[in-house]
Amino acid sequence: MARQWQHCKLEGSRVTFLGAAGVFENKADAHLGRRSAWSDLEDEGWELVSVVTDPEGELTFFFKRPAPSGA
C-alpha cells in the first residue's frame, strides 16, 4: 500500500495546508512569527521538501508529513 502524505506551505508567517479536497488555512498559525511557525511545523513532524523564490525574492517553503492512518 502506498504511503499517503499531507502537504503544507509556509509563506512569511502564514501556514497554508494543502488538503486532498483543496486548500485550507490554519487561522491559528496566521499570527505566528516565521521562526515560531517553522518551529511548530518541525514539532508536528513536517519535513521540508522544497523552497521556491518569487520574483520579489520572497521564499515559500513546502513541507510534507505522513498522513495519519485512516486519513
Protein backbone atom coordinates (compact mmCIF):
# COMPACT_ATOMS: atom_id res chain seq x y z
CA MET A 1 0.00 0.00 0.00
CA ALA A 2 1.36 3.42 -0.95
CA ARG A 3 2.13 5.89 1.81
CA GLN A 4 -0.23 8.87 1.97
CA TRP A 5 1.19 12.36 2.63
CA GLN A 6 -0.10 15.66 3.95
CA HIS A 7 1.34 18.84 2.46
CA CYS A 8 1.57 22.48 3.52
CA LYS A 9 3.44 25.64 2.64
CA LEU A 10 4.91 28.46 4.72
CA GLU A 11 4.89 31.98 3.25
CA GLY A 12 6.26 34.52 5.71
CA SER A 13 4.40 33.57 8.89
CA ARG A 14 1.35 32.13 7.11
CA VAL A 15 0.92 28.36 7.03
CA THR A 16 -1.43 27.02 4.34
CA PHE A 17 -2.36 23.34 4.42
CA LEU A 18 -2.83 21.70 1.03
CA GLY A 19 -5.56 19.11 1.53
CA ALA A 20 -6.75 16.45 -0.86
CA ALA A 21 -10.07 18.29 -1.18
CA GLY A 22 -8.43 21.68 -1.77
CA VAL A 23 -6.55 24.34 0.11
CA PHE A 24 -7.46 25.44 3.62
CA GLU A 25 -5.72 27.74 6.07
CA ASN A 26 -4.91 27.16 9.70
CA LYS A 27 -6.06 30.51 11.08
CA ALA A 28 -4.31 29.79 14.40
CA ASP A 29 -0.92 29.95 12.68
CA ALA A 30 -1.54 33.27 10.91
CA HIS A 31 -0.35 35.37 13.87
CA LEU A 32 2.90 33.47 14.46
CA GLY A 33 6.29 34.82 13.50
CA ARG A 34 8.28 32.95 10.86
CA ARG A 35 10.57 31.32 13.45
CA SER A 36 7.64 30.22 15.60
CA ALA A 37 5.70 28.86 12.60
CA TRP A 38 8.79 26.96 11.41
CA SER A 39 9.38 25.53 14.89
CA ASP A 40 5.73 24.45 15.21
CA LEU A 41 5.88 22.69 11.83
CA GLU A 42 9.02 20.79 12.86
CA ASP A 43 7.44 19.85 16.21
CA GLU A 44 4.39 18.47 14.36
CA GLY A 45 6.51 16.20 12.14
CA TRP A 46 6.60 18.28 8.94
CA GLU A 47 9.62 17.75 6.66
CA LEU A 48 10.93 20.44 4.29
CA VAL A 49 10.81 19.23 0.67
CA SER A 50 11.16 22.35 -1.48
CA VAL A 51 11.78 26.10 -1.47
CA VAL A 52 10.55 28.46 -4.20
CA THR A 53 11.54 32.11 -4.71
CA ASP A 54 9.01 34.54 -6.22
CA PRO A 55 10.03 37.47 -8.49
CA GLU A 56 10.35 39.79 -5.44
CA GLY A 57 12.77 37.37 -3.74
CA GLU A 58 10.29 36.14 -1.12
CA LEU A 59 10.65 32.48 -0.16
CA THR A 60 7.88 29.90 0.03
CA PHE A 61 8.72 26.67 1.87
CA PHE A 62 6.86 23.43 1.09
CA PHE A 63 6.58 20.62 3.64
CA LYS A 64 5.17 17.09 3.85
CA ARG A 65 4.48 14.55 6.58
CA PRO A 66 2.94 11.09 6.64
CA ALA A 67 -0.85 11.21 6.86
CA PRO A 68 -2.33 9.61 9.97
CA SER A 69 -3.62 6.06 9.49
CA GLY A 70 -7.11 6.04 8.07
CA ALA A 71 -6.81 9.60 6.62
